[in-house]
Every structure is written in C-alpha cells, then in structure tokens.
Amino acid sequence: MAIFSDKWEVDKISFNSRLLVGTGRFETLEKTKRSIELSDPSLVTVAIRRLETQKNEKEDGSLLSTINWNRIWMLPNTAGSKTPDEAIRLGFLGREIAKSLGQENNKFLKLEVIADEKYLMPDPLGTIKAADYLIRKGFKIFPYINTDPILASHLEELGCATLMPLGSAIGSNQGLKNLENIKIIIEQAKIPVIVDAGIGKPSDASKAMEIGADAVLINTAIASAERPELMAQAMKYAVIGGRLAYLANPQTSLIKKGILSSPKKGIPF
C-alpha cells in the first residue's frame, strides 16, 4: 500500500512530512543523525549559536557535516536570544550559514526571544519587534510564542510565515497544557500553525495533529529517550496517524446523539 501523502506549504515551498525535529540534547552526533533519518522530517531546526562555532568545520564531524542538507531544509533558530537585537544578529548569521550549505533561497528563521531564564517563556513584545524588522529584511519568520490568540493574530498580520505556539514549557515533555488556546489559534490562523515545545509522547504529537495543527516540532522527547531512534520513528507515525484522524473527521459523542454502536435488530456485522 502506498505511504500516505499529504503535502503542506510554507511561503509556497512544499513539504511532504508534517514533522519538524530539533538537534539539541542528543548524546552523540550519531544518534542525532540516525534519529533524523528515521523520523524523516520536512525541516530540521538548529541553534545558530551552536552553528556559529562550527561554520568552518563542515568536514570534521560537526553537526553541519552530519546532516544531509541536500534533502532536508534547514530551519535556523535564534535560541538563547534575550533581546530583539540578539535575535536579529543571529538571524542574519543563520541565513549566511544556510547559504554556505547550498540553500541559497532559504529565508526561514525560527524566531525565539526569551528573556525569562527560569521558565523560558517567550517575550511577546521582543518577538514582535524582532519579527517586524526581520520580515522587512526578507526573512520568513516562524515565531515561537505563548498560546495567546491575540498575539498570534498580530504576528500573522505583521507577515509571519507560520505561528509556533508552545504546547507547554520548552524542554518539559509535559504535553499539551494549553490545548484550548491552541485550538483557537488554529481556528483563526490563515497561515500554518506548528505546535512547538512540550510534546513529550507520541500521543501528544498525535493530539496536536488531530485538532488541526499543520505540523509539530519535536526535540527533547526524542533526544532524551533511552532509545531516541525508536522515539523518532514513533513520532513520525504519530504525526501521520493524527493527521489522518483529523482528515477523517471523526464523529464524537454519538451516545448523546442517540446513536448506538450496534443496531437493535439484525446481525451487527
């Protein structure tokens, strides 16, 4: 049977997989590479701060040389930025690194502005300020935000390419703690919504897709698993399953509607 195909787009660029993965927290580069291969993501996000020290090390076992950038789209991110100015500087550096890897037309940037060192909550005002500047400079912004539907609407109006509301605190593996607000963001948005941060289990990824998210980004859940290669595969199929369930439009509360699982008369099979 053919593998399910359900392409989606960001800024007119088409992708097959609705799974994005991160590259942090893995024990080894080999586990990073193997997990990426087995999860088969559309995009791989990497911290520009990490790449900054490796941009001249493409031939000697660095992260840059581990991933096949000819078949995977890079999503540079500004992790570690406490201010809009820091995020802007890293954004330009990330674009140059993507070009050096042969992705000349890659203008994608996952924008993170996080001044809160304790809970790592994204700074909404800093995010808007940095996004406004970077969009005017030609970047296609993927803003990492809290689950605030009003903020999401403002960022969409500003010209962001996607919205990336968090499921729960970044790196927490706590699952979807803000489900109702995520649903509102999905309902209102006319651009792709990618649930990011907090997804800890395949069931979380599946749930995000079931409620209509366009994609999910997962890092810690895979990297921190005892066997990350298996978790990578589990997440891949959870995303597919959740998307299929969403497209199937399952009927809920049939008992309340008076519909029983078996007919009152006749053989039920």
Protein backbone atom coordinates (compact mmCIF):
# COMPACT_ATOMS: atom_id res chain seq x y z
CA MET A 1 0.00 0.00 0.00
CA ALA A 2 1.32 3.46 -0.84
CA ILE A 3 2.58 5.64 2.02
CA PHE A 4 0.11 8.40 2.90
CA SER A 5 0.97 11.65 1.13
CA ASP A 6 -0.32 14.97 2.42
CA LYS A 7 1.83 17.88 1.36
CA TRP A 8 1.74 21.27 3.03
CA GLU A 9 3.33 24.61 2.23
CA VAL A 10 5.21 27.42 3.87
CA ASP A 11 5.70 30.50 1.72
CA LYS A 12 4.92 28.44 -1.43
CA ILE A 13 7.55 25.82 -0.55
CA SER A 14 6.02 22.35 -0.40
CA PHE A 15 6.88 19.69 2.19
CA ASN A 16 5.86 16.05 2.50
CA SER A 17 6.33 15.44 6.23
CA ARG A 18 4.45 17.38 8.88
CA LEU A 19 7.14 16.64 11.44
CA LEU A 20 9.95 19.05 12.26
CA VAL A 21 12.76 17.97 14.58
CA GLY A 22 15.43 19.69 16.61
CA THR A 23 19.07 18.80 17.09
CA GLY A 24 19.78 19.71 20.71
CA ARG A 25 20.31 17.44 23.73
CA PHE A 26 21.34 14.30 21.87
CA GLU A 27 24.13 12.33 23.49
CA THR A 28 26.08 11.91 20.26
CA LEU A 29 26.08 13.20 16.71
CA GLU A 30 25.46 9.65 15.51
CA LYS A 31 22.23 9.47 17.50
CA THR A 32 21.27 12.86 16.11
CA LYS A 33 21.87 11.71 12.56
CA ARG A 34 20.11 8.37 12.98
CA SER A 35 17.07 9.92 14.65
CA ILE A 36 16.72 12.47 11.87
CA GLU A 37 16.96 9.77 9.22
CA LEU A 38 14.31 7.60 10.90
CA SER A 39 11.88 10.43 11.67
CA ASP A 40 12.11 11.69 8.07
CA PRO A 41 11.24 15.33 8.90
CA SER A 42 10.47 18.15 6.50
CA LEU A 43 12.68 20.63 8.32
CA VAL A 44 15.42 20.36 10.93
CA THR A 45 15.94 23.25 13.30
CA VAL A 46 19.38 24.10 14.64
CA ALA A 47 20.54 26.75 17.09
CA ILE A 48 22.53 29.42 15.30
CA ARG A 49 24.64 29.93 18.41
CA ARG A 50 25.75 26.32 18.09
CA LEU A 51 26.39 26.66 14.37
CA GLU A 52 28.34 29.87 14.89
CA THR A 53 31.21 27.88 16.35
CA GLN A 54 31.01 25.18 13.66
CA LYS A 55 30.53 27.13 10.43
CA ASN A 56 34.13 26.46 9.40
CA GLU A 57 34.07 22.81 10.47
CA LYS A 58 31.89 21.18 7.82
CA GLU A 59 34.38 18.42 7.12
CA ASP A 60 35.29 17.12 10.55
CA GLY A 61 32.29 15.58 12.27
CA SER A 62 30.39 18.70 13.22
CA LEU A 63 26.60 18.97 13.20
CA LEU A 64 26.81 20.72 9.85
CA SER A 65 28.51 17.73 8.26
CA THR A 66 26.27 15.17 10.00
CA ILE A 67 23.03 16.14 8.23
CA ASN A 68 22.34 15.78 4.52
CA TRP A 69 21.28 19.33 3.72
CA ASN A 70 20.58 18.42 0.11
CA ARG A 71 17.38 16.65 1.16
CA ILE A 72 16.44 18.44 4.40
CA TRP A 73 15.52 22.09 4.71
CA MET A 74 17.33 23.90 7.49
CA LEU A 75 15.33 25.99 9.96
CA PRO A 76 17.88 28.15 11.81
CA ASN A 77 16.68 29.32 15.22
CA THR A 78 17.67 32.17 17.50
CA ALA A 79 17.64 30.14 20.72
CA GLY A 80 19.50 31.89 23.51
CA SER A 81 18.47 35.39 22.42
CA LYS A 82 17.31 37.53 25.35
CA THR A 83 16.69 40.66 23.29
CA PRO A 84 15.37 41.50 19.83
CA ASP A 85 18.80 42.80 18.82
CA GLU A 86 20.43 39.47 19.68
CA ALA A 87 17.79 37.60 17.71
CA ILE A 88 18.24 39.88 14.70
CA ARG A 89 22.02 39.39 14.70
CA LEU A 90 21.66 35.61 14.88
CA GLY A 91 19.01 35.68 12.16
CA PHE A 92 21.39 37.23 9.64
CA LEU A 93 24.14 34.80 10.65
CA GLY A 94 21.77 31.87 10.24
CA ARG A 95 20.85 32.96 6.74
CA GLU A 96 24.53 33.09 5.76
CA ILE A 97 25.16 29.63 7.20
CA ALA A 98 22.21 28.22 5.24
CA LYS A 99 23.63 29.76 2.07
CA SER A 100 27.05 28.23 2.78
CA LEU A 101 25.38 24.81 2.85
CA GLY A 102 23.86 25.30 -0.59
CA GLN A 103 20.43 26.57 0.49
CA GLU A 104 20.67 29.87 -1.32
CA ASN A 105 16.94 30.57 -1.22
CA ASN A 106 16.42 29.62 2.42
CA LYS A 107 14.97 32.64 4.20
CA PHE A 108 13.31 30.67 7.01
CA LEU A 109 14.03 31.63 10.62
CA LYS A 110 12.57 30.27 13.84
CA LEU A 111 12.42 33.37 16.00
CA GLU A 112 12.96 32.92 19.73
CA VAL A 113 13.28 35.87 22.09
CA ILE A 114 13.39 34.57 25.66
CA ALA A 115 14.43 36.87 28.49
CA ASP A 116 12.86 34.65 31.17
CA GLU A 117 15.68 32.39 32.36
CA LYS A 118 13.59 30.46 34.88
CA TYR A 119 10.54 29.34 32.91
CA LEU A 120 11.84 30.13 29.39
CA MET A 121 8.62 31.82 28.35
CA PRO A 122 8.88 33.75 25.04
CA ASP A 123 8.89 37.54 25.22
CA PRO A 124 5.86 38.72 23.19
CA LEU A 125 6.96 42.35 22.76
CA GLY A 126 10.51 41.37 21.90
CA THR A 127 9.22 38.81 19.42
CA ILE A 128 7.01 41.38 17.67
CA LYS A 129 9.85 43.91 17.47
CA ALA A 130 12.34 41.43 16.03
CA ALA A 131 9.77 39.90 13.67
CA ASP A 132 8.80 43.30 12.27
CA TYR A 133 12.41 44.16 11.44
CA LEU A 134 13.36 40.76 10.05
CA ILE A 135 10.26 40.46 7.87
CA ARG A 136 11.10 43.82 6.29
CA LYS A 137 14.57 42.37 5.56
CA GLY A 138 13.09 39.44 3.66
CA PHE A 139 13.04 36.72 6.33
CA LYS A 140 10.22 34.19 6.55
CA ILE A 141 9.56 34.13 10.26
CA PHE A 142 8.44 31.15 12.35
CA PRO A 143 7.73 32.90 15.69
CA TYR A 144 7.88 30.84 18.89
CA ILE A 145 5.07 32.22 21.08
CA ASN A 146 2.92 31.55 24.08
CA THR A 147 -0.62 30.38 23.39
CA ASP A 148 -2.09 33.86 23.05
CA PRO A 149 -4.59 34.05 20.16
CA ILE A 150 -4.40 37.86 20.06
CA LEU A 151 -0.61 37.85 19.82
CA ALA A 152 -0.85 35.18 17.13
CA SER A 153 -3.23 37.37 15.10
CA HIS A 154 -0.90 40.38 15.38
CA LEU A 155 2.08 38.31 14.19
CA GLU A 156 0.10 36.95 11.25
CA GLU A 157 -0.93 40.49 10.27
CA LEU A 158 2.72 41.52 10.55
CA GLY A 159 3.60 38.97 7.85
CA CYS A 160 4.96 35.92 9.67
CA ALA A 161 5.13 32.75 7.57
CA THR A 162 3.85 30.47 10.36
CA LEU A 163 2.83 30.54 14.01
CA MET A 164 4.54 28.32 16.60
CA PRO A 165 2.55 28.24 19.86
CA LEU A 166 4.03 26.21 22.68
CA GLY A 167 2.30 23.09 23.98
CA SER A 168 3.90 23.58 27.40
CA ALA A 169 7.21 24.83 28.77
CA ILE A 170 10.11 24.26 26.40
CA GLY A 171 12.01 21.05 27.14
CA SER A 172 9.47 19.95 29.77
CA ASN A 173 7.85 16.97 27.98
CA GLN A 174 4.62 17.94 29.78
CA GLY A 175 2.39 17.63 26.73
CA LEU A 176 -0.34 19.98 25.56
CA LYS A 177 -1.16 22.08 28.62
CA ASN A 178 -2.69 24.92 26.59
CA LEU A 179 -4.96 22.92 24.32
CA GLU A 180 -7.98 25.24 24.17
CA ASN A 181 -5.94 28.30 23.23
CA ILE A 182 -4.05 26.29 20.62
CA LYS A 183 -7.41 25.33 19.12
CA ILE A 184 -8.39 29.00 18.90
CA ILE A 185 -5.10 29.92 17.21
CA ILE A 186 -5.58 27.09 14.68
CA GLU A 187 -9.18 28.14 14.02
CA GLN A 188 -8.29 31.78 13.41
CA ALA A 189 -5.00 31.43 11.51
CA LYS A 190 -4.71 31.58 7.75
CA ILE A 191 -1.04 30.55 7.86
CA PRO A 192 0.40 27.22 9.06
CA VAL A 193 0.32 26.55 12.81
CA ILE A 194 3.17 24.40 14.13
CA VAL A 195 2.87 23.23 17.74
CA ASP A 196 6.28 23.59 19.35
CA ALA A 197 7.70 22.77 22.80
CA GLY A 198 6.46 20.44 25.48
CA ILE A 199 5.43 17.47 23.34
CA GLY A 200 6.64 14.51 25.38
CA LYS A 201 4.94 11.43 23.94
CA PRO A 202 3.69 10.27 20.55
CA SER A 203 0.14 10.66 21.85
CA ASP A 204 0.84 14.40 22.37
CA ALA A 205 2.02 14.76 18.79
CA SER A 206 -0.98 12.84 17.53
CA LYS A 207 -3.36 15.02 19.58
CA ALA A 208 -1.85 18.21 18.18
CA MET A 209 -2.44 16.92 14.67
CA GLU A 210 -5.95 15.69 15.50
CA ILE A 211 -7.06 19.20 16.48
CA GLY A 212 -5.86 20.59 13.16
CA ALA A 213 -2.27 21.74 13.63
CA ASP A 214 -0.39 21.84 10.34
CA ALA A 215 2.75 20.35 11.86
CA VAL A 216 4.65 19.78 15.10
CA LEU A 217 8.25 20.41 16.13
CA ILE A 218 9.83 17.89 18.49
CA ASN A 219 13.28 17.76 20.04
CA THR A 220 13.59 16.88 23.74
CA ALA A 221 11.14 13.96 23.64
CA ILE A 222 13.28 12.24 21.01
CA ALA A 223 16.72 13.27 22.25
CA SER A 224 16.05 12.39 25.91
CA ALA A 225 14.54 8.96 25.22
CA GLU A 226 16.61 5.95 26.22
CA ARG A 227 16.38 4.83 22.61
CA PRO A 228 15.96 8.03 20.59
CA GLU A 229 15.94 6.20 17.25
CA LEU A 230 12.76 4.35 18.27
CA MET A 231 11.12 7.50 19.61
CA ALA A 232 11.92 9.24 16.34
CA GLN A 233 10.00 6.59 14.44
CA ALA A 234 7.16 6.68 16.97
CA MET A 235 6.79 10.43 16.50
CA LYS A 236 6.84 10.07 12.72
CA TYR A 237 3.91 7.67 12.73
CA ALA A 238 2.05 9.53 15.48
CA VAL A 239 2.04 12.65 13.32
CA ILE A 240 0.76 10.68 10.33
CA GLY A 241 -1.90 8.99 12.44
CA GLY A 242 -3.08 12.25 13.98
CA ARG A 243 -3.28 13.94 10.60
CA LEU A 244 -5.26 11.03 9.14
CA ALA A 245 -7.66 11.18 12.08
CA TYR A 246 -8.16 14.92 11.54
CA LEU A 247 -8.87 14.43 7.85
CA ALA A 248 -11.25 11.55 8.64
CA ASN A 249 -13.38 13.99 10.68
CA PRO A 250 -14.30 11.55 13.48
CA GLN A 251 -17.78 11.83 14.96
CA THR A 252 -17.84 12.33 18.73
CA SER A 253 -20.49 11.99 21.43
CA LEU A 254 -22.57 9.54 19.44
CA ILE A 255 -24.27 8.31 22.59
CA LYS A 256 -25.54 11.82 23.29
CA LYS A 257 -26.90 11.86 19.76
CA GLY A 258 -28.73 8.61 20.40
CA ILE A 259 -26.56 6.59 18.01
CA LEU A 260 -25.58 3.16 19.33
CA SER A 261 -22.59 1.14 18.23
CA SER A 262 -24.75 -1.82 17.18
CA PRO A 263 -28.22 -1.93 15.60
CA LYS A 264 -31.15 -3.05 17.76
CA LYS A 265 -32.18 -5.59 15.16
CA GLY A 266 -30.29 -7.88 12.88
CA ILE A 267 -26.72 -9.03 12.86
CA PRO A 268 -24.31 -6.17 13.63
CA PHE A 269 -21.63 -7.40 11.23
